[in-house]
Amino acid sequence: MHSTAFFLSNFYPSKVKYDGIEYLNSEAAFQAQKCSRKSDRLEFENLNPSEAKRLGRKVKIREDWEIVKLDIMKNIIREKFNQNFDITLKLIETGDNYLEEGNTWGDIIWGTVNGKGKNLLGKILMEIIEEIKEEFSKIDTIIEKLDSINIKGKNEVGEFKSFAEILNELAFKWNELEK
């Protein structure tokens, strides 16, 4: 049985499309990026996380891996949450809590063991939370501006209007001003 924080794990079953390939989970997406050729990365697209990790240990690792792996992990995790809104909401609900990838299998790079380690995955997750908050604050600013010109960004029950609905209202107001 998994904890309520399992959605933060790269082993969580949430599809992620990265560099043109859709993977079943972010672990498969990450392990695939060790390969230089796209044809080799395709071998990871339907693997569960454990299978992907095992295969990732057997592939010929691209020469620049140590230089690019942190940025690749950030991009994959970012895409995981950009593409799966249900877990994005859960991520935001973690608030300003310190996120730590604690583990018992000895990973002191991406996580910690007994509180010791770099916790790179936890730091990436906290960074992505800040990015999402920034994007949400931009949305709030847009809604305030729309409200100021009498176009409501939310409907009567408080749900966000679609972009198309807002554009239609703007077009209508524009046509009214043109008359």
C-alpha atoms as a PDB file:
ATOM      1  CA  MET A   1       0.000   0.000   0.000  1.00  0.00           C
ATOM      2  CA  HIS A   2       1.298   3.421  -0.951  1.00  0.00           C
ATOM      3  CA  SER A   3       1.307   6.568   1.160  1.00  0.00           C
ATOM      4  CA  THR A   4      -0.806   9.604   0.299  1.00  0.00           C
ATOM      5  CA  ALA A   5       2.400  11.211  -1.024  1.00  0.00           C
ATOM      6  CA  PHE A   6       2.960   8.451  -3.616  1.00  0.00           C
ATOM      7  CA  PHE A   7       1.863  10.827  -6.402  1.00  0.00           C
ATOM      8  CA  LEU A   8       5.171  12.678  -5.848  1.00  0.00           C
ATOM      9  CA  SER A   9       7.165   9.581  -6.773  1.00  0.00           C
ATOM     10  CA  ASN A  10       8.529   8.869 -10.235  1.00  0.00           C
ATOM     11  CA  PHE A  11       6.995   5.414  -9.758  1.00  0.00           C
ATOM     12  CA  TYR A  12       3.476   6.894  -9.631  1.00  0.00           C
ATOM     13  CA  PRO A  13       1.434   5.716 -12.644  1.00  0.00           C
ATOM     14  CA  SER A  14       0.802   9.019 -14.416  1.00  0.00           C
ATOM     15  CA  LYS A  15       1.454   9.232 -18.127  1.00  0.00           C
ATOM     16  CA  VAL A  16       3.959  11.819 -19.253  1.00  0.00           C
ATOM     17  CA  LYS A  17       4.769  12.844 -22.799  1.00  0.00           C
ATOM     18  CA  TYR A  18       8.377  13.925 -23.161  1.00  0.00           C
ATOM     19  CA  ASP A  19      10.318  14.672 -26.318  1.00  0.00           C
ATOM     20  CA  GLY A  20       7.535  13.254 -28.478  1.00  0.00           C
ATOM     21  CA  ILE A  21       7.117   9.935 -26.635  1.00  0.00           C
ATOM     22  CA  GLU A  22       4.370   9.141 -24.112  1.00  0.00           C
ATOM     23  CA  TYR A  23       5.563   7.069 -21.155  1.00  0.00           C
ATOM     24  CA  LEU A  24       3.443   5.355 -18.505  1.00  0.00           C
ATOM     25  CA  ASN A  25       5.327   7.115 -15.691  1.00  0.00           C
ATOM     26  CA  SER A  26       8.065   9.678 -15.112  1.00  0.00           C
ATOM     27  CA  GLU A  27      10.615   7.014 -14.123  1.00  0.00           C
ATOM     28  CA  ALA A  28      10.358   5.445 -17.575  1.00  0.00           C
ATOM     29  CA  ALA A  29      10.636   8.891 -19.184  1.00  0.00           C
ATOM     30  CA  PHE A  30      13.768   9.664 -17.157  1.00  0.00           C
ATOM     31  CA  GLN A  31      15.488   6.326 -17.700  1.00  0.00           C
ATOM     32  CA  ALA A  32      14.797   6.556 -21.449  1.00  0.00           C
ATOM     33  CA  GLN A  33      16.693   9.821 -21.681  1.00  0.00           C
ATOM     34  CA  LYS A  34      19.908   7.984 -20.867  1.00  0.00           C
ATOM     35  CA  CYS A  35      19.782   6.770 -24.479  1.00  0.00           C
ATOM     36  CA  SER A  36      21.111   8.894 -27.313  1.00  0.00           C
ATOM     37  CA  ARG A  37      18.843   7.443 -29.995  1.00  0.00           C
ATOM     38  CA  LYS A  38      15.087   7.936 -30.072  1.00  0.00           C
ATOM     39  CA  SER A  39      14.648   4.354 -31.265  1.00  0.00           C
ATOM     40  CA  ASP A  40      16.248   3.181 -28.002  1.00  0.00           C
ATOM     41  CA  ARG A  41      14.080   5.531 -25.930  1.00  0.00           C
ATOM     42  CA  LEU A  42      10.968   4.000 -27.500  1.00  0.00           C
ATOM     43  CA  GLU A  43      11.752   0.745 -25.667  1.00  0.00           C
ATOM     44  CA  PHE A  44      10.742   2.506 -22.421  1.00  0.00           C
ATOM     45  CA  GLU A  45       7.339   3.847 -23.435  1.00  0.00           C
ATOM     46  CA  ASN A  46       5.249   0.936 -22.126  1.00  0.00           C
ATOM     47  CA  LEU A  47       7.372  -0.099 -19.150  1.00  0.00           C
ATOM     48  CA  ASN A  48       6.335   0.101 -15.531  1.00  0.00           C
ATOM     49  CA  PRO A  49       8.775   2.015 -13.290  1.00  0.00           C
ATOM     50  CA  SER A  50      10.652  -1.040 -12.030  1.00  0.00           C
ATOM     51  CA  GLU A  51      11.129  -2.418 -15.545  1.00  0.00           C
ATOM     52  CA  ALA A  52      12.288   1.001 -16.741  1.00  0.00           C
ATOM     53  CA  LYS A  53      14.813   1.322 -13.913  1.00  0.00           C
ATOM     54  CA  ARG A  54      16.206  -2.148 -14.665  1.00  0.00           C
ATOM     55  CA  LEU A  55      16.510  -1.400 -18.381  1.00  0.00           C
ATOM     56  CA  GLY A  56      18.056   1.974 -17.594  1.00  0.00           C
ATOM     57  CA  ARG A  57      20.903   0.167 -15.828  1.00  0.00           C
ATOM     58  CA  LYS A  58      21.652  -1.871 -18.974  1.00  0.00           C
ATOM     59  CA  VAL A  59      21.584   0.743 -21.750  1.00  0.00           C
ATOM     60  CA  LYS A  60      24.568   2.511 -23.257  1.00  0.00           C
ATOM     61  CA  ILE A  61      24.453   5.840 -21.450  1.00  0.00           C
ATOM     62  CA  ARG A  62      24.815   8.974 -23.541  1.00  0.00           C
ATOM     63  CA  GLU A  63      28.131  10.776 -23.120  1.00  0.00           C
ATOM     64  CA  ASP A  64      26.691  13.980 -21.646  1.00  0.00           C
ATOM     65  CA  TRP A  65      24.424  12.228 -19.117  1.00  0.00           C
ATOM     66  CA  GLU A  66      26.090  13.536 -15.967  1.00  0.00           C
ATOM     67  CA  ILE A  67      25.846  17.089 -17.334  1.00  0.00           C
ATOM     68  CA  VAL A  68      22.194  16.954 -18.472  1.00  0.00           C
ATOM     69  CA  LYS A  69      20.455  14.556 -16.088  1.00  0.00           C
ATOM     70  CA  LEU A  70      19.383  17.166 -13.514  1.00  0.00           C
ATOM     71  CA  ASP A  71      17.779  19.404 -16.149  1.00  0.00           C
ATOM     72  CA  ILE A  72      16.142  16.386 -17.768  1.00  0.00           C
ATOM     73  CA  MET A  73      14.661  15.312 -14.424  1.00  0.00           C
ATOM     74  CA  LYS A  74      13.342  18.856 -13.803  1.00  0.00           C
ATOM     75  CA  ASN A  75      11.745  18.963 -17.249  1.00  0.00           C
ATOM     76  CA  ILE A  76      10.144  15.534 -16.890  1.00  0.00           C
ATOM     77  CA  ILE A  77       8.742  16.305 -13.439  1.00  0.00           C
ATOM     78  CA  ARG A  78       7.469  19.665 -14.713  1.00  0.00           C
ATOM     79  CA  GLU A  79       5.735  17.880 -17.604  1.00  0.00           C
ATOM     80  CA  LYS A  80       4.295  15.252 -15.265  1.00  0.00           C
ATOM     81  CA  PHE A  81       2.463  17.961 -13.350  1.00  0.00           C
ATOM     82  CA  ASN A  82       1.646  20.111 -16.403  1.00  0.00           C
ATOM     83  CA  GLN A  83      -0.031  17.127 -18.070  1.00  0.00           C
ATOM     84  CA  ASN A  84      -1.853  15.664 -15.041  1.00  0.00           C
ATOM     85  CA  PHE A  85      -3.956  18.376 -13.414  1.00  0.00           C
ATOM     86  CA  ASP A  86      -5.376  16.044 -10.742  1.00  0.00           C
ATOM     87  CA  ILE A  87      -1.947  15.576  -9.193  1.00  0.00           C
ATOM     88  CA  THR A  88      -1.009  19.221  -9.800  1.00  0.00           C
ATOM     89  CA  LEU A  89      -3.741  20.144  -7.338  1.00  0.00           C
ATOM     90  CA  LYS A  90      -2.363  17.623  -4.836  1.00  0.00           C
ATOM     91  CA  LEU A  91       1.125  19.090  -5.310  1.00  0.00           C
ATOM     92  CA  ILE A  92      -0.154  22.589  -4.572  1.00  0.00           C
ATOM     93  CA  GLU A  93      -1.898  21.270  -1.460  1.00  0.00           C
ATOM     94  CA  THR A  94       1.516  20.333  -0.023  1.00  0.00           C
ATOM     95  CA  GLY A  95       1.885  24.090   0.494  1.00  0.00           C
ATOM     96  CA  ASP A  96       5.195  25.313   1.790  1.00  0.00           C
ATOM     97  CA  ASN A  97       6.083  21.979   3.385  1.00  0.00           C
ATOM     98  CA  TYR A  98       9.613  20.728   2.950  1.00  0.00           C
ATOM     99  CA  LEU A  99       9.461  17.759   0.575  1.00  0.00           C
ATOM    100  CA  GLU A 100      11.988  15.011   1.102  1.00  0.00           C
ATOM    101  CA  GLU A 101      12.419  11.866  -0.969  1.00  0.00           C
ATOM    102  CA  GLY A 102      13.242   9.627   1.981  1.00  0.00           C
ATOM    103  CA  ASN A 103      14.186   6.081   1.041  1.00  0.00           C
ATOM    104  CA  THR A 104      15.696   2.883   2.349  1.00  0.00           C
ATOM    105  CA  TRP A 105      17.444   1.755  -0.855  1.00  0.00           C
ATOM    106  CA  GLY A 106      20.448   4.050  -0.523  1.00  0.00           C
ATOM    107  CA  ASP A 107      19.633   6.874  -2.952  1.00  0.00           C
ATOM    108  CA  ILE A 108      21.359   9.913  -1.475  1.00  0.00           C
ATOM    109  CA  ILE A 109      21.407  11.861  -4.761  1.00  0.00           C
ATOM    110  CA  TRP A 110      17.710  12.159  -5.642  1.00  0.00           C
ATOM    111  CA  GLY A 111      16.603  11.524  -2.052  1.00  0.00           C
ATOM    112  CA  THR A 112      17.832  10.985   1.482  1.00  0.00           C
ATOM    113  CA  VAL A 113      18.586   8.030   3.719  1.00  0.00           C
ATOM    114  CA  ASN A 114      18.060   8.701   7.422  1.00  0.00           C
ATOM    115  CA  GLY A 115      17.949  12.431   6.639  1.00  0.00           C
ATOM    116  CA  LYS A 116      21.276  12.442   4.798  1.00  0.00           C
ATOM    117  CA  GLY A 117      21.519  13.145   1.089  1.00  0.00           C
ATOM    118  CA  LYS A 118      21.094  15.788  -1.614  1.00  0.00           C
ATOM    119  CA  ASN A 119      17.314  15.333  -1.955  1.00  0.00           C
ATOM    120  CA  LEU A 120      17.377  16.599  -5.549  1.00  0.00           C
ATOM    121  CA  LEU A 121      13.902  15.217  -6.315  1.00  0.00           C
ATOM    122  CA  GLY A 122      12.399  16.944  -3.285  1.00  0.00           C
ATOM    123  CA  LYS A 123      14.066  20.213  -4.278  1.00  0.00           C
ATOM    124  CA  ILE A 124      12.770  19.891  -7.851  1.00  0.00           C
ATOM    125  CA  LEU A 125       9.230  19.319  -6.572  1.00  0.00           C
ATOM    126  CA  MET A 126       9.422  22.401  -4.320  1.00  0.00           C
ATOM    127  CA  GLU A 127      10.764  24.451  -7.245  1.00  0.00           C
ATOM    128  CA  ILE A 128       7.875  23.305  -9.436  1.00  0.00           C
ATOM    129  CA  ILE A 129       5.376  24.247  -6.718  1.00  0.00           C
ATOM    130  CA  GLU A 130       6.785  27.785  -6.819  1.00  0.00           C
ATOM    131  CA  GLU A 131       6.499  27.859 -10.629  1.00  0.00           C
ATOM    132  CA  ILE A 132       2.861  26.733 -10.441  1.00  0.00           C
ATOM    133  CA  LYS A 133       2.061  29.351  -7.788  1.00  0.00           C
ATOM    134  CA  GLU A 134       3.582  31.996 -10.040  1.00  0.00           C
ATOM    135  CA  GLU A 135       1.453  30.839 -12.989  1.00  0.00           C
ATOM    136  CA  PHE A 136      -1.681  30.852 -10.810  1.00  0.00           C
ATOM    137  CA  SER A 137      -0.890  34.376  -9.636  1.00  0.00           C
ATOM    138  CA  LYS A 138      -0.680  35.459 -13.308  1.00  0.00           C
ATOM    139  CA  ILE A 139      -4.119  33.926 -13.869  1.00  0.00           C
ATOM    140  CA  ASP A 140      -5.471  35.813 -10.833  1.00  0.00           C
ATOM    141  CA  THR A 141      -4.025  39.052 -12.250  1.00  0.00           C
ATOM    142  CA  ILE A 142      -5.687  38.428 -15.615  1.00  0.00           C
ATOM    143  CA  ILE A 143      -9.014  37.715 -13.914  1.00  0.00           C
ATOM    144  CA  GLU A 144      -8.714  40.948 -11.897  1.00  0.00           C
ATOM    145  CA  LYS A 145      -8.008  42.902 -15.098  1.00  0.00           C
ATOM    146  CA  LEU A 146     -10.950  41.280 -16.874  1.00  0.00           C
ATOM    147  CA  ASP A 147     -13.159  42.060 -13.883  1.00  0.00           C
ATOM    148  CA  SER A 148     -12.002  45.698 -14.031  1.00  0.00           C
ATOM    149  CA  ILE A 149     -13.370  46.012 -17.595  1.00  0.00           C
ATOM    150  CA  ASN A 150     -16.518  44.205 -16.522  1.00  0.00           C
ATOM    151  CA  ILE A 151     -15.677  40.809 -18.004  1.00  0.00           C
ATOM    152  CA  LYS A 152     -15.896  38.241 -15.284  1.00  0.00           C
ATOM    153  CA  GLY A 153     -13.168  35.571 -15.342  1.00  0.00           C
ATOM    154  CA  LYS A 154     -15.406  33.263 -13.350  1.00  0.00           C
ATOM    155  CA  ASN A 155     -18.994  32.215 -13.917  1.00  0.00           C
ATOM    156  CA  GLU A 156     -21.887  32.519 -11.434  1.00  0.00           C
ATOM    157  CA  VAL A 157     -20.782  29.446  -9.452  1.00  0.00           C
ATOM    158  CA  GLY A 158     -17.156  30.550  -9.215  1.00  0.00           C
ATOM    159  CA  GLU A 159     -15.715  28.274 -11.899  1.00  0.00           C
ATOM    160  CA  PHE A 160     -13.136  29.657 -14.305  1.00  0.00           C
ATOM    161  CA  LYS A 161     -14.574  30.508 -17.698  1.00  0.00           C
ATOM    162  CA  SER A 162     -12.959  28.978 -20.735  1.00  0.00           C
ATOM    163  CA  PHE A 163     -10.592  31.072 -22.785  1.00  0.00           C
ATOM    164  CA  ALA A 164     -13.105  30.911 -25.664  1.00  0.00           C
ATOM    165  CA  GLU A 165     -15.887  32.306 -23.440  1.00  0.00           C
ATOM    166  CA  ILE A 166     -13.680  35.202 -22.393  1.00  0.00           C
ATOM    167  CA  LEU A 167     -12.635  35.905 -25.998  1.00  0.00           C
ATOM    168  CA  ASN A 168     -16.293  35.929 -27.047  1.00  0.00           C
ATOM    169  CA  GLU A 169     -17.096  38.475 -24.333  1.00  0.00           C
ATOM    170  CA  LEU A 170     -14.103  40.611 -25.346  1.00  0.00           C
ATOM    171  CA  ALA A 171     -15.205  40.496 -29.002  1.00  0.00           C
ATOM    172  CA  PHE A 172     -18.743  41.464 -27.997  1.00  0.00           C
ATOM    173  CA  LYS A 173     -17.474  44.399 -25.904  1.00  0.00           C
ATOM    174  CA  TRP A 174     -15.171  45.456 -28.745  1.00  0.00           C
ATOM    175  CA  ASN A 175     -18.086  45.415 -31.202  1.00  0.00           C
ATOM    176  CA  GLU A 176     -20.153  47.485 -28.748  1.00  0.00           C
ATOM    177  CA  LEU A 177     -17.360  50.089 -28.581  1.00  0.00           C
ATOM    178  CA  GLU A 178     -17.095  50.153 -32.381  1.00  0.00           C
ATOM    179  CA  LYS A 179     -20.808  51.113 -32.770  1.00  0.00           C
END
